[in-house]
Amino acid sequence: NRPSNILLLEKISPSNIGALVALYEHKVFVQGVIWDINSFDQWGVELGKELAVPILQELEGHKSNAYFDSSTKHLIELYKNYNQ
C-alpha cells in the first residue's frame, strides 16, 4: 500500500539513464522543498545502499538470503529475462 513507479526500458542507453537520474533527482528535490528539508543530507541514503546490496546480488546471479516482497521478486525476474 505504498505508491511506486515502475519504469522498464527495452534498451539501456546513456540518454535513458540520464533521464532516469534526472527524474529521481528532481523528485527528491521537490519533496525536500515541500517538506522543508535538505533531501541530499539524510541518513536514509546509507540505509538505501545497505538495502540495495541483496538486490544487486540477485541481479548479478548470486543467491541472496534476503526476503523480497512479491513486487521486488517480480521485477528481479523481469530484469533477468530482459538480460538473458
C-alpha atoms as a PDB file:
ATOM      1  CA  ASN A   1       0.000   0.000   0.000  1.00  0.00           C
ATOM      2  CA  ARG A   2       2.770   2.377  -0.897  1.00  0.00           C
ATOM      3  CA  PRO A   3       2.913   4.332  -4.119  1.00  0.00           C
ATOM      4  CA  SER A   4       5.627   3.291  -6.526  1.00  0.00           C
ATOM      5  CA  ASN A   5       6.845   3.950 -10.034  1.00  0.00           C
ATOM      6  CA  ILE A   6       7.992   1.177 -12.315  1.00  0.00           C
ATOM      7  CA  LEU A   7       9.888   2.188 -15.415  1.00  0.00           C
ATOM      8  CA  LEU A   8      11.055  -0.527 -17.787  1.00  0.00           C
ATOM      9  CA  LEU A   9      13.422   0.241 -20.632  1.00  0.00           C
ATOM     10  CA  GLU A  10      13.920  -2.003 -23.623  1.00  0.00           C
ATOM     11  CA  LYS A  11      17.370  -0.542 -24.129  1.00  0.00           C
ATOM     12  CA  ILE A  12      19.822   0.904 -21.644  1.00  0.00           C
ATOM     13  CA  SER A  13      21.469   3.927 -23.176  1.00  0.00           C
ATOM     14  CA  PRO A  14      23.285   6.957 -21.798  1.00  0.00           C
ATOM     15  CA  SER A  15      20.289   9.093 -22.701  1.00  0.00           C
ATOM     16  CA  ASN A  16      17.800   6.811 -20.914  1.00  0.00           C
ATOM     17  CA  ILE A  17      19.967   6.531 -17.807  1.00  0.00           C
ATOM     18  CA  GLY A  18      20.493  10.295 -17.732  1.00  0.00           C
ATOM     19  CA  ALA A  19      16.753  10.882 -17.986  1.00  0.00           C
ATOM     20  CA  LEU A  20      16.104   8.391 -15.193  1.00  0.00           C
ATOM     21  CA  VAL A  21      18.669  10.009 -12.887  1.00  0.00           C
ATOM     22  CA  ALA A  22      17.269  13.468 -13.648  1.00  0.00           C
ATOM     23  CA  LEU A  23      13.729  12.255 -12.923  1.00  0.00           C
ATOM     24  CA  TYR A  24      14.650  10.917  -9.496  1.00  0.00           C
ATOM     25  CA  GLU A  25      16.872  13.872  -8.590  1.00  0.00           C
ATOM     26  CA  HIS A  26      14.040  16.255  -9.436  1.00  0.00           C
ATOM     27  CA  LYS A  27      11.531  14.193  -7.442  1.00  0.00           C
ATOM     28  CA  VAL A  28      13.814  14.202  -4.391  1.00  0.00           C
ATOM     29  CA  PHE A  29      14.497  17.926  -4.701  1.00  0.00           C
ATOM     30  CA  VAL A  30      10.795  18.840  -4.965  1.00  0.00           C
ATOM     31  CA  GLN A  31       9.890  16.642  -1.989  1.00  0.00           C
ATOM     32  CA  GLY A  32      12.602  18.355   0.050  1.00  0.00           C
ATOM     33  CA  VAL A  33      11.302  21.803  -0.850  1.00  0.00           C
ATOM     34  CA  ILE A  34       7.745  20.812   0.068  1.00  0.00           C
ATOM     35  CA  TRP A  35       8.828  19.261   3.384  1.00  0.00           C
ATOM     36  CA  ASP A  36      11.425  21.992   4.109  1.00  0.00           C
ATOM     37  CA  ILE A  37      14.321  19.536   4.498  1.00  0.00           C
ATOM     38  CA  ASN A  38      17.701  19.067   2.842  1.00  0.00           C
ATOM     39  CA  SER A  39      16.931  15.958   0.818  1.00  0.00           C
ATOM     40  CA  PHE A  40      20.557  15.348  -0.067  1.00  0.00           C
ATOM     41  CA  ASP A  41      21.837  15.072   3.509  1.00  0.00           C
ATOM     42  CA  GLN A  42      19.808  12.253   5.047  1.00  0.00           C
ATOM     43  CA  TRP A  43      20.706   9.081   6.957  1.00  0.00           C
ATOM     44  CA  GLY A  44      18.282   7.152   4.746  1.00  0.00           C
ATOM     45  CA  VAL A  45      20.735   7.329   1.854  1.00  0.00           C
ATOM     46  CA  GLU A  46      23.077   4.947   3.655  1.00  0.00           C
ATOM     47  CA  LEU A  47      20.168   2.701   4.593  1.00  0.00           C
ATOM     48  CA  GLY A  48      19.130   2.577   0.943  1.00  0.00           C
ATOM     49  CA  LYS A  49      22.623   1.469  -0.045  1.00  0.00           C
ATOM     50  CA  GLU A  50      22.530  -1.331   2.528  1.00  0.00           C
ATOM     51  CA  LEU A  51      19.096  -2.480   1.362  1.00  0.00           C
ATOM     52  CA  ALA A  52      20.222  -2.481  -2.279  1.00  0.00           C
ATOM     53  CA  VAL A  53      23.098  -4.948  -1.743  1.00  0.00           C
ATOM     54  CA  PRO A  54      20.970  -8.142  -1.668  1.00  0.00           C
ATOM     55  CA  ILE A  55      19.004  -6.971  -4.709  1.00  0.00           C
ATOM     56  CA  LEU A  56      22.217  -6.322  -6.621  1.00  0.00           C
ATOM     57  CA  GLN A  57      23.456  -9.793  -5.679  1.00  0.00           C
ATOM     58  CA  GLU A  58      20.275 -11.324  -7.125  1.00  0.00           C
ATOM     59  CA  LEU A  59      20.544  -9.242 -10.287  1.00  0.00           C
ATOM     60  CA  GLU A  60      24.122 -10.448 -10.757  1.00  0.00           C
ATOM     61  CA  GLY A  61      23.006 -14.075 -10.471  1.00  0.00           C
ATOM     62  CA  HIS A  62      24.140 -14.742  -6.904  1.00  0.00           C
ATOM     63  CA  LYS A  63      21.706 -16.133  -4.372  1.00  0.00           C
ATOM     64  CA  SER A  64      20.810 -13.843  -1.512  1.00  0.00           C
ATOM     65  CA  ASN A  65      19.330 -14.921   1.806  1.00  0.00           C
ATOM     66  CA  ALA A  66      17.250 -11.755   1.903  1.00  0.00           C
ATOM     67  CA  TYR A  67      13.459 -11.772   1.814  1.00  0.00           C
ATOM     68  CA  PHE A  68      11.951  -9.851  -1.096  1.00  0.00           C
ATOM     69  CA  ASP A  69       8.314  -8.840  -1.372  1.00  0.00           C
ATOM     70  CA  SER A  70       6.356 -10.078  -4.383  1.00  0.00           C
ATOM     71  CA  SER A  71       6.824  -6.834  -6.333  1.00  0.00           C
ATOM     72  CA  THR A  72      10.607  -6.914  -5.915  1.00  0.00           C
ATOM     73  CA  LYS A  73      10.756 -10.600  -6.843  1.00  0.00           C
ATOM     74  CA  HIS A  74       8.753  -9.915  -9.990  1.00  0.00           C
ATOM     75  CA  LEU A  75      10.984  -7.004 -11.024  1.00  0.00           C
ATOM     76  CA  ILE A  76      14.120  -9.089 -10.448  1.00  0.00           C
ATOM     77  CA  GLU A  77      12.688 -11.801 -12.704  1.00  0.00           C
ATOM     78  CA  LEU A  78      11.783  -9.234 -15.391  1.00  0.00           C
ATOM     79  CA  TYR A  79      15.318  -7.881 -15.278  1.00  0.00           C
ATOM     80  CA  LYS A  80      16.791 -11.365 -15.583  1.00  0.00           C
ATOM     81  CA  ASN A  81      14.504 -12.180 -18.518  1.00  0.00           C
ATOM     82  CA  TYR A  82      15.490  -8.972 -20.325  1.00  0.00           C
ATOM     83  CA  ASN A  83      19.164  -9.802 -19.841  1.00  0.00           C
ATOM     84  CA  GLN A  84      19.275 -13.419 -20.994  1.00  0.00           C
END
